[in-house]
Amino acid sequence: MSRSGIGAVDEGLRHDVDDDTLGMTTFWEKAPPAPPVRPRRARWSRPVAVVVVVSVIGLVGFLVLSAVGLWLYANHDRPELIDRPDVVAVVEDGCARLRADLAAHPVPTGAAPSVRAAAISAQDEAIRAFVAHVRTLDAATRADDLPVDDWLSDWERLARARDDVSDALGRGVAGVLVVPRDQGRPVTTRMSAVGVTCVDLARLVRRT
């Protein structure tokens, strides 16, 4: 083949390549842009979702139970206190009468033994009247406010101990009050720990 023929073939190939290149460039330039890739939202797996729901329910349940527990504690019957309203009303009424009766029969420390014995006896009768007044409450009501019956029994024990002093003084013998004890402690300690201030027990004991 002559040099001129080879040149013609090269020129033809060049035109073919240029035409193909032009066509490819035109295709990509006219092609629509690819849609943007959006990040996929993270999805919770089923076990994780179940755990979260159960945790939330548990937390709500705990808060509800805590609120109920606090309400019950604030309104429950504390076994060491006299706190039922109708019982407290009767006890306070009886205490007011008892204070008046004790004041009406003071025990004069410098008086003759017979005078002191009479005053102590009168006070002990006032104590028994107080106990009888509180016991006008029916047994079920008193039992519903736990300390009441034991408290009244302590009053009776104290009155009996004072009776011993009054009897001794009536016989002309020096009387010494022995305060009854329960589990090693004076009953007066328990009597003053029920949430009701009835009388000054220390003064009541001291004046015998």
Protein backbone atom coordinates (compact mmCIF):
# COMPACT_ATOMS: atom_id res chain seq x y z
CA MET A 1 0.00 0.00 0.00
CA SER A 2 1.29 3.44 -0.84
CA ARG A 3 2.08 6.05 1.80
CA SER A 4 -0.84 8.11 0.58
CA GLY A 5 -3.20 5.17 1.04
CA ILE A 6 -2.01 4.57 4.63
CA GLY A 7 -2.57 8.24 5.38
CA ALA A 8 -6.11 8.00 4.09
CA VAL A 9 -6.84 5.01 6.34
CA ASP A 10 -5.41 6.82 9.41
CA GLU A 11 -7.49 9.86 8.67
CA GLY A 12 -10.62 7.72 8.39
CA LEU A 13 -9.92 5.98 11.68
CA ARG A 14 -9.28 9.31 13.33
CA HIS A 15 -12.67 10.56 12.17
CA ASP A 16 -14.34 7.38 13.44
CA VAL A 17 -12.70 7.67 16.86
CA ASP A 18 -13.55 11.35 17.11
CA ASP A 19 -17.15 10.65 16.16
CA ASP A 20 -17.40 7.92 18.84
CA THR A 21 -15.78 10.13 21.45
CA LEU A 22 -18.13 12.96 20.59
CA GLY A 23 -21.09 10.65 20.86
CA MET A 24 -20.06 9.32 24.28
CA THR A 25 -19.44 12.80 25.60
CA THR A 26 -22.77 13.99 24.39
CA PHE A 27 -24.54 10.98 26.02
CA TRP A 28 -23.11 11.59 29.52
CA GLU A 29 -23.71 15.30 29.27
CA LYS A 30 -27.36 14.80 28.40
CA ALA A 31 -27.98 11.97 30.89
CA PRO A 32 -30.06 13.05 33.93
CA PRO A 33 -28.13 13.41 37.19
CA ALA A 34 -28.28 10.46 39.54
CA PRO A 35 -30.74 10.95 42.46
CA PRO A 36 -29.06 11.87 45.76
CA VAL A 37 -28.47 8.98 48.11
CA ARG A 38 -30.48 9.54 51.28
CA PRO A 39 -29.14 8.06 54.50
CA ARG A 40 -31.30 5.23 55.74
CA ARG A 41 -33.00 5.83 59.02
CA ALA A 42 -31.89 3.56 61.78
CA ARG A 43 -34.61 1.13 62.70
CA TRP A 44 -34.90 -0.49 66.10
CA SER A 45 -34.87 -4.18 66.04
CA ARG A 46 -37.87 -5.93 67.57
CA PRO A 47 -36.02 -7.15 70.71
CA VAL A 48 -34.76 -3.63 71.45
CA ALA A 49 -38.24 -2.16 71.02
CA VAL A 50 -39.72 -4.77 73.36
CA VAL A 51 -37.09 -4.03 76.01
CA VAL A 52 -37.78 -0.29 75.81
CA VAL A 53 -41.55 -0.73 76.08
CA VAL A 54 -41.22 -3.12 79.01
CA SER A 55 -38.82 -0.72 80.75
CA VAL A 56 -41.20 2.20 80.35
CA ILE A 57 -44.13 0.16 81.67
CA GLY A 58 -42.02 -0.99 84.60
CA LEU A 59 -41.00 2.58 85.44
CA VAL A 60 -44.58 3.82 85.32
CA GLY A 61 -45.69 0.91 87.49
CA PHE A 62 -42.94 1.64 90.01
CA LEU A 63 -43.93 5.30 90.24
CA VAL A 64 -47.60 4.40 90.72
CA LEU A 65 -46.81 1.84 93.42
CA SER A 66 -44.51 4.31 95.16
CA ALA A 67 -47.23 6.95 95.23
CA VAL A 68 -49.76 4.45 96.58
CA GLY A 69 -47.27 3.24 99.18
CA LEU A 70 -46.61 6.77 100.40
CA TRP A 71 -50.35 7.43 100.67
CA LEU A 72 -50.91 4.22 102.61
CA TYR A 73 -48.01 4.97 104.95
CA ALA A 74 -49.33 8.46 105.62
CA ASN A 75 -52.79 7.10 106.41
CA HIS A 76 -52.06 3.76 108.03
CA ASP A 77 -52.67 2.90 111.68
CA ARG A 78 -49.34 3.15 113.44
CA PRO A 79 -49.52 0.41 116.09
CA GLU A 80 -47.68 2.40 118.73
CA LEU A 81 -49.99 5.45 118.57
CA ILE A 82 -53.58 6.21 119.45
CA ASP A 83 -54.57 7.89 116.21
CA ARG A 84 -58.06 6.84 115.17
CA PRO A 85 -60.04 10.10 115.17
CA ASP A 86 -63.13 8.87 117.03
CA VAL A 87 -60.95 7.17 119.65
CA VAL A 88 -58.77 10.26 120.05
CA ALA A 89 -61.87 12.40 120.60
CA VAL A 90 -63.11 10.20 123.47
CA VAL A 91 -59.62 9.93 124.99
CA GLU A 92 -59.09 13.69 124.91
CA ASP A 93 -62.48 14.27 126.51
CA GLY A 94 -61.62 11.79 129.26
CA CYS A 95 -58.19 13.38 129.74
CA ALA A 96 -59.77 16.80 130.21
CA ARG A 97 -62.00 15.37 132.94
CA LEU A 98 -59.08 13.57 134.55
CA ARG A 99 -56.97 16.71 134.69
CA ALA A 100 -59.82 18.57 136.34
CA ASP A 101 -60.38 15.80 138.91
CA LEU A 102 -56.67 15.55 139.75
CA ALA A 103 -56.49 19.29 140.23
CA ALA A 104 -59.53 19.15 142.52
CA HIS A 105 -57.78 16.62 144.79
CA PRO A 106 -54.14 17.69 145.13
CA VAL A 107 -51.85 15.65 147.34
CA PRO A 108 -50.31 18.02 149.92
CA THR A 109 -46.81 16.76 150.58
CA GLY A 110 -46.58 18.29 154.06
CA ALA A 111 -49.99 17.17 155.25
CA ALA A 112 -50.78 14.42 157.70
CA PRO A 113 -50.57 10.86 156.31
CA SER A 114 -54.34 10.41 156.55
CA VAL A 115 -54.93 13.56 154.47
CA ARG A 116 -52.47 12.44 151.86
CA ALA A 117 -54.05 8.98 151.79
CA ALA A 118 -57.49 10.45 151.14
CA ALA A 119 -56.20 12.67 148.33
CA ILE A 120 -54.40 9.78 146.66
CA SER A 121 -57.51 7.61 146.87
CA ALA A 122 -59.61 10.38 145.30
CA GLN A 123 -57.13 10.72 142.47
CA ASP A 124 -57.11 6.96 141.91
CA GLU A 125 -60.90 7.00 141.62
CA ALA A 126 -60.54 9.74 139.01
CA ILE A 127 -58.12 7.52 137.09
CA ARG A 128 -60.59 4.63 137.15
CA ALA A 129 -63.38 6.94 136.00
CA PHE A 130 -61.17 8.01 133.11
CA VAL A 131 -60.50 4.39 132.13
CA ALA A 132 -64.22 3.58 132.31
CA HIS A 133 -65.01 6.60 130.12
CA VAL A 134 -62.63 5.49 127.37
CA ARG A 135 -63.99 1.96 127.58
CA THR A 136 -67.41 3.24 126.58
CA LEU A 137 -65.97 2.76 123.11
CA ASP A 138 -66.93 -0.69 121.88
CA ALA A 139 -64.30 -3.40 121.95
CA ALA A 140 -63.99 -3.57 118.15
CA THR A 141 -63.29 0.16 117.92
CA ARG A 142 -60.66 -0.01 120.65
CA ALA A 143 -59.06 -3.06 119.04
CA ASP A 144 -58.81 -1.19 115.74
CA ASP A 145 -56.55 1.36 117.45
CA LEU A 146 -54.00 -1.05 118.86
CA PRO A 147 -52.45 0.71 121.89
CA VAL A 148 -55.72 1.68 123.53
CA ASP A 149 -56.50 -1.40 125.63
CA ASP A 150 -52.90 -1.88 126.76
CA TRP A 151 -52.72 1.81 127.60
CA LEU A 152 -55.85 1.59 129.73
CA SER A 153 -54.46 -1.48 131.49
CA ASP A 154 -51.31 0.50 132.30
CA TRP A 155 -53.46 3.20 133.88
CA GLU A 156 -55.17 0.59 136.03
CA ARG A 157 -51.85 -0.91 137.12
CA LEU A 158 -50.59 2.53 138.09
CA ALA A 159 -53.77 3.20 140.10
CA ARG A 160 -53.36 -0.08 141.99
CA ALA A 161 -49.75 0.79 142.82
CA ARG A 162 -50.93 4.13 144.15
CA ASP A 163 -53.59 2.34 146.17
CA ASP A 164 -50.81 0.52 147.99
CA VAL A 165 -49.29 3.86 148.98
CA SER A 166 -52.66 5.17 150.14
CA ASP A 167 -53.27 2.05 152.24
CA ALA A 168 -49.83 2.34 153.85
CA LEU A 169 -50.37 5.99 154.70
CA GLY A 170 -53.79 5.15 156.13
CA ARG A 171 -52.09 2.72 158.49
CA GLY A 172 -49.57 5.35 159.50
CA VAL A 173 -46.77 3.71 157.56
CA ALA A 174 -44.59 5.54 155.10
CA GLY A 175 -45.73 4.57 151.63
CA VAL A 176 -43.35 4.28 148.70
CA LEU A 177 -44.74 4.10 145.21
CA VAL A 178 -43.35 1.24 143.14
CA VAL A 179 -44.16 2.01 139.53
CA PRO A 180 -45.15 -1.17 137.70
CA ARG A 181 -42.71 -2.27 135.03
CA ASP A 182 -43.13 -4.11 131.77
CA GLN A 183 -40.16 -5.73 130.04
CA GLY A 184 -37.87 -3.89 132.40
CA ARG A 185 -39.33 -0.44 131.73
CA PRO A 186 -41.78 1.60 133.85
CA VAL A 187 -45.27 1.49 132.40
CA THR A 188 -45.30 5.27 132.56
CA THR A 189 -42.73 5.28 129.75
CA ARG A 190 -45.10 3.37 127.50
CA MET A 191 -48.09 5.39 128.66
CA SER A 192 -46.47 8.62 127.52
CA ALA A 193 -45.48 7.24 124.10
CA VAL A 194 -48.90 6.76 122.50
CA GLY A 195 -49.16 10.22 120.96
CA VAL A 196 -51.67 11.52 123.51
CA THR A 197 -50.61 13.90 126.28
CA CYS A 198 -53.16 13.27 128.98
CA VAL A 199 -51.52 14.31 132.24
CA ASP A 200 -48.01 14.87 133.55
CA LEU A 201 -47.24 11.32 134.64
CA ALA A 202 -43.97 12.25 136.31
CA ARG A 203 -45.82 14.75 138.49
CA LEU A 204 -48.56 12.24 139.20
CA VAL A 205 -46.04 9.68 140.40
CA ARG A 206 -43.90 12.15 142.31
CA ARG A 207 -46.76 13.54 144.38
CA THR A 208 -47.60 10.22 145.97
